[in-house]
Amino acid sequence: MACLLELVFVETPQELNFIELKSTYKFQYEQNEILYALREDWRPLYQKDDGSLTGARFTGKGEDKVENRLVRSAQPKDARRAYWDAYIEGKNKDGVSKTKFVDRDNFQIFPPVEPTGDLVRRDRGTFWEGEFNPKYPLPPPQ
């Protein structure tokens, strides 16, 4: 019985150079302001001594600086980064953000998109005092 060997030549594919994309979210103040402009329900909330709510951790300056009481914690950093990467600015090769922020009503996400109603949660009355803040109404400060 004769055995025939067939030689098969296979080209090896070129080595692929994969570029690992990096998140542009660096947990910076301006980035959080853009995030909270879209997701007001994610903003940490504090209660001032007079009982009113604020997004500011501290009131006053210098010797008059007082830490406000935390009533709603911030979202975890991983959740904020995932939302940023999906809805505000995708990852890129250098991890440098191209977003622009002036104030909560004037900012540019990249690439420019028009968020849907499900993404935009801006009404502070609803997201500070409604169902998204189950501790509201708050007991008076002590």
C-alpha atoms as a PDB file:
ATOM      1  CA  MET A   1       0.000   0.000   0.000  1.00  0.00           C
ATOM      2  CA  ALA A   2       1.480   3.275  -1.061  1.00  0.00           C
ATOM      3  CA  CYS A   3       1.180   6.335   1.116  1.00  0.00           C
ATOM      4  CA  LEU A   4       1.176   9.691  -0.575  1.00  0.00           C
ATOM      5  CA  LEU A   5       2.144  12.733   1.381  1.00  0.00           C
ATOM      6  CA  GLU A   6       0.824  16.058   0.262  1.00  0.00           C
ATOM      7  CA  LEU A   7       2.647  19.153   1.342  1.00  0.00           C
ATOM      8  CA  VAL A   8       0.401  22.043   2.243  1.00  0.00           C
ATOM      9  CA  PHE A   9       1.888  25.502   2.568  1.00  0.00           C
ATOM     10  CA  VAL A  10       0.052  27.883   4.835  1.00  0.00           C
ATOM     11  CA  GLU A  11       0.824  31.554   5.001  1.00  0.00           C
ATOM     12  CA  THR A  12       1.058  32.879   8.489  1.00  0.00           C
ATOM     13  CA  PRO A  13      -1.081  35.950   8.993  1.00  0.00           C
ATOM     14  CA  GLN A  14       0.568  39.255   9.719  1.00  0.00           C
ATOM     15  CA  GLU A  15       0.905  40.081  13.361  1.00  0.00           C
ATOM     16  CA  LEU A  16      -1.935  42.371  14.326  1.00  0.00           C
ATOM     17  CA  ASN A  17      -1.143  45.363  16.454  1.00  0.00           C
ATOM     18  CA  PHE A  18      -4.126  45.978  18.682  1.00  0.00           C
ATOM     19  CA  ILE A  19      -4.470  49.416  20.160  1.00  0.00           C
ATOM     20  CA  GLU A  20      -5.887  49.342  23.645  1.00  0.00           C
ATOM     21  CA  LEU A  21      -8.381  52.177  23.970  1.00  0.00           C
ATOM     22  CA  LYS A  22      -8.330  54.176  27.200  1.00  0.00           C
ATOM     23  CA  SER A  23     -11.194  55.872  28.986  1.00  0.00           C
ATOM     24  CA  THR A  24     -11.156  59.650  28.862  1.00  0.00           C
ATOM     25  CA  TYR A  25     -12.962  59.879  32.212  1.00  0.00           C
ATOM     26  CA  LYS A  26     -10.493  61.016  34.886  1.00  0.00           C
ATOM     27  CA  PHE A  27     -12.984  61.870  37.681  1.00  0.00           C
ATOM     28  CA  GLN A  28     -12.270  65.603  37.279  1.00  0.00           C
ATOM     29  CA  TYR A  29     -14.623  68.287  38.593  1.00  0.00           C
ATOM     30  CA  GLU A  30     -15.595  69.514  35.102  1.00  0.00           C
ATOM     31  CA  GLN A  31     -16.226  65.965  33.909  1.00  0.00           C
ATOM     32  CA  ASN A  32     -18.454  65.288  36.915  1.00  0.00           C
ATOM     33  CA  GLU A  33     -20.381  68.493  36.178  1.00  0.00           C
ATOM     34  CA  ILE A  34     -21.076  67.233  32.637  1.00  0.00           C
ATOM     35  CA  LEU A  35     -22.070  63.846  34.027  1.00  0.00           C
ATOM     36  CA  TYR A  36     -24.369  65.357  36.648  1.00  0.00           C
ATOM     37  CA  ALA A  37     -25.880  67.752  34.083  1.00  0.00           C
ATOM     38  CA  LEU A  38     -27.126  64.627  32.316  1.00  0.00           C
ATOM     39  CA  ARG A  39     -27.728  62.484  35.416  1.00  0.00           C
ATOM     40  CA  GLU A  40     -28.807  64.811  38.206  1.00  0.00           C
ATOM     41  CA  ASP A  41     -30.036  61.726  40.065  1.00  0.00           C
ATOM     42  CA  TRP A  42     -26.387  60.632  40.447  1.00  0.00           C
ATOM     43  CA  ARG A  43     -25.127  63.846  42.083  1.00  0.00           C
ATOM     44  CA  PRO A  44     -24.139  63.419  45.726  1.00  0.00           C
ATOM     45  CA  LEU A  45     -26.373  65.540  47.946  1.00  0.00           C
ATOM     46  CA  TYR A  46     -25.586  67.320  51.175  1.00  0.00           C
ATOM     47  CA  GLN A  47     -27.711  69.111  53.752  1.00  0.00           C
ATOM     48  CA  LYS A  48     -26.590  72.521  54.974  1.00  0.00           C
ATOM     49  CA  ASP A  49     -27.061  73.649  58.578  1.00  0.00           C
ATOM     50  CA  ASP A  50     -30.245  75.502  57.593  1.00  0.00           C
ATOM     51  CA  GLY A  51     -31.744  72.214  56.302  1.00  0.00           C
ATOM     52  CA  SER A  52     -31.563  73.061  52.588  1.00  0.00           C
ATOM     53  CA  LEU A  53     -30.025  70.682  50.071  1.00  0.00           C
ATOM     54  CA  THR A  54     -26.894  71.386  48.062  1.00  0.00           C
ATOM     55  CA  GLY A  55     -24.527  69.540  45.754  1.00  0.00           C
ATOM     56  CA  ALA A  56     -21.568  71.153  47.537  1.00  0.00           C
ATOM     57  CA  ARG A  57     -19.687  69.173  50.145  1.00  0.00           C
ATOM     58  CA  PHE A  58     -18.516  72.330  51.929  1.00  0.00           C
ATOM     59  CA  THR A  59     -20.093  75.708  52.685  1.00  0.00           C
ATOM     60  CA  GLY A  60     -18.019  78.808  53.367  1.00  0.00           C
ATOM     61  CA  LYS A  61     -14.305  79.429  53.005  1.00  0.00           C
ATOM     62  CA  GLY A  62     -11.247  79.607  55.210  1.00  0.00           C
ATOM     63  CA  GLU A  63     -12.048  79.505  58.916  1.00  0.00           C
ATOM     64  CA  ASP A  64     -15.783  79.610  58.082  1.00  0.00           C
ATOM     65  CA  LYS A  65     -15.592  76.427  55.971  1.00  0.00           C
ATOM     66  CA  VAL A  66     -18.089  73.842  57.211  1.00  0.00           C
ATOM     67  CA  GLU A  67     -18.645  70.328  55.892  1.00  0.00           C
ATOM     68  CA  ASN A  68     -22.286  69.710  54.968  1.00  0.00           C
ATOM     69  CA  ARG A  69     -24.049  66.492  56.003  1.00  0.00           C
ATOM     70  CA  LEU A  70     -24.066  63.770  53.313  1.00  0.00           C
ATOM     71  CA  VAL A  71     -27.596  62.581  52.490  1.00  0.00           C
ATOM     72  CA  ARG A  72     -27.047  60.819  49.126  1.00  0.00           C
ATOM     73  CA  SER A  73     -23.737  59.237  48.153  1.00  0.00           C
ATOM     74  CA  ALA A  74     -22.111  59.543  44.741  1.00  0.00           C
ATOM     75  CA  GLN A  75     -22.288  56.667  42.300  1.00  0.00           C
ATOM     76  CA  PRO A  76     -19.235  54.385  42.376  1.00  0.00           C
ATOM     77  CA  LYS A  77     -16.367  55.469  40.108  1.00  0.00           C
ATOM     78  CA  ASP A  78     -16.713  52.349  37.952  1.00  0.00           C
ATOM     79  CA  ALA A  79     -20.392  53.154  37.248  1.00  0.00           C
ATOM     80  CA  ARG A  80     -19.572  56.780  36.383  1.00  0.00           C
ATOM     81  CA  ARG A  81     -16.720  55.704  34.097  1.00  0.00           C
ATOM     82  CA  ALA A  82     -18.918  53.145  32.298  1.00  0.00           C
ATOM     83  CA  TYR A  83     -21.661  55.755  31.729  1.00  0.00           C
ATOM     84  CA  TRP A  84     -19.094  58.312  30.518  1.00  0.00           C
ATOM     85  CA  ASP A  85     -17.560  55.829  28.086  1.00  0.00           C
ATOM     86  CA  ALA A  86     -20.968  54.761  26.731  1.00  0.00           C
ATOM     87  CA  TYR A  87     -22.913  58.038  26.555  1.00  0.00           C
ATOM     88  CA  ILE A  88     -20.611  61.043  26.868  1.00  0.00           C
ATOM     89  CA  GLU A  89     -17.266  60.269  25.252  1.00  0.00           C
ATOM     90  CA  GLY A  90     -16.002  56.923  24.051  1.00  0.00           C
ATOM     91  CA  LYS A  91     -12.560  55.554  24.806  1.00  0.00           C
ATOM     92  CA  ASN A  92      -9.694  56.601  22.544  1.00  0.00           C
ATOM     93  CA  LYS A  93      -6.060  55.611  22.034  1.00  0.00           C
ATOM     94  CA  ASP A  94      -4.511  58.379  24.151  1.00  0.00           C
ATOM     95  CA  GLY A  95      -7.201  58.704  26.855  1.00  0.00           C
ATOM     96  CA  VAL A  96      -7.403  62.489  26.383  1.00  0.00           C
ATOM     97  CA  SER A  97     -10.877  64.006  26.566  1.00  0.00           C
ATOM     98  CA  LYS A  98     -12.209  66.343  23.893  1.00  0.00           C
ATOM     99  CA  THR A  99     -15.289  67.394  25.870  1.00  0.00           C
ATOM    100  CA  LYS A 100     -15.809  71.062  26.637  1.00  0.00           C
ATOM    101  CA  PHE A 101     -17.548  72.419  29.744  1.00  0.00           C
ATOM    102  CA  VAL A 102     -18.643  75.978  30.506  1.00  0.00           C
ATOM    103  CA  ASP A 103     -21.602  75.389  32.842  1.00  0.00           C
ATOM    104  CA  ARG A 104     -24.393  72.845  33.336  1.00  0.00           C
ATOM    105  CA  ASP A 105     -26.339  74.304  30.406  1.00  0.00           C
ATOM    106  CA  ASN A 106     -23.370  74.808  28.085  1.00  0.00           C
ATOM    107  CA  PHE A 107     -21.160  71.820  27.414  1.00  0.00           C
ATOM    108  CA  GLN A 108     -20.144  69.654  24.483  1.00  0.00           C
ATOM    109  CA  ILE A 109     -19.821  65.912  24.603  1.00  0.00           C
ATOM    110  CA  PHE A 110     -17.723  64.095  21.999  1.00  0.00           C
ATOM    111  CA  PRO A 111     -18.687  63.004  19.464  1.00  0.00           C
ATOM    112  CA  PRO A 112     -21.655  65.389  19.443  1.00  0.00           C
ATOM    113  CA  VAL A 113     -24.899  63.524  20.108  1.00  0.00           C
ATOM    114  CA  GLU A 114     -28.354  64.533  21.172  1.00  0.00           C
ATOM    115  CA  PRO A 115     -29.151  62.571  24.334  1.00  0.00           C
ATOM    116  CA  THR A 116     -32.543  60.924  24.523  1.00  0.00           C
ATOM    117  CA  GLY A 117     -35.037  61.700  27.249  1.00  0.00           C
ATOM    118  CA  ASP A 118     -33.930  58.549  29.070  1.00  0.00           C
ATOM    119  CA  LEU A 119     -30.404  59.915  29.385  1.00  0.00           C
ATOM    120  CA  VAL A 120     -31.171  63.448  30.497  1.00  0.00           C
ATOM    121  CA  ARG A 121     -32.235  63.780  34.121  1.00  0.00           C
ATOM    122  CA  ARG A 122     -31.899  67.448  34.975  1.00  0.00           C
ATOM    123  CA  ASP A 123     -34.868  68.403  37.144  1.00  0.00           C
ATOM    124  CA  ARG A 124     -33.397  69.073  40.565  1.00  0.00           C
ATOM    125  CA  GLY A 125     -36.805  69.103  42.233  1.00  0.00           C
ATOM    126  CA  THR A 126     -37.468  65.534  41.114  1.00  0.00           C
ATOM    127  CA  PHE A 127     -33.985  64.168  41.613  1.00  0.00           C
ATOM    128  CA  TRP A 128     -33.190  65.983  44.856  1.00  0.00           C
ATOM    129  CA  GLU A 129     -36.528  65.741  46.635  1.00  0.00           C
ATOM    130  CA  GLY A 130     -38.434  62.966  44.849  1.00  0.00           C
ATOM    131  CA  GLU A 131     -38.191  59.210  44.545  1.00  0.00           C
ATOM    132  CA  PHE A 132     -34.462  59.365  43.727  1.00  0.00           C
ATOM    133  CA  ASN A 133     -33.720  60.662  47.208  1.00  0.00           C
ATOM    134  CA  PRO A 134     -35.568  58.264  49.502  1.00  0.00           C
ATOM    135  CA  LYS A 135     -34.237  60.021  52.624  1.00  0.00           C
ATOM    136  CA  TYR A 136     -36.207  63.175  51.708  1.00  0.00           C
ATOM    137  CA  PRO A 137     -37.805  64.942  53.576  1.00  0.00           C
ATOM    138  CA  LEU A 138     -34.872  65.055  55.874  1.00  0.00           C
ATOM    139  CA  PRO A 139     -34.908  65.367  59.637  1.00  0.00           C
ATOM    140  CA  PRO A 140     -33.681  68.739  60.887  1.00  0.00           C
ATOM    141  CA  PRO A 141     -29.908  69.013  61.298  1.00  0.00           C
ATOM    142  CA  GLN A 142     -28.635  68.419  64.790  1.00  0.00           C
END
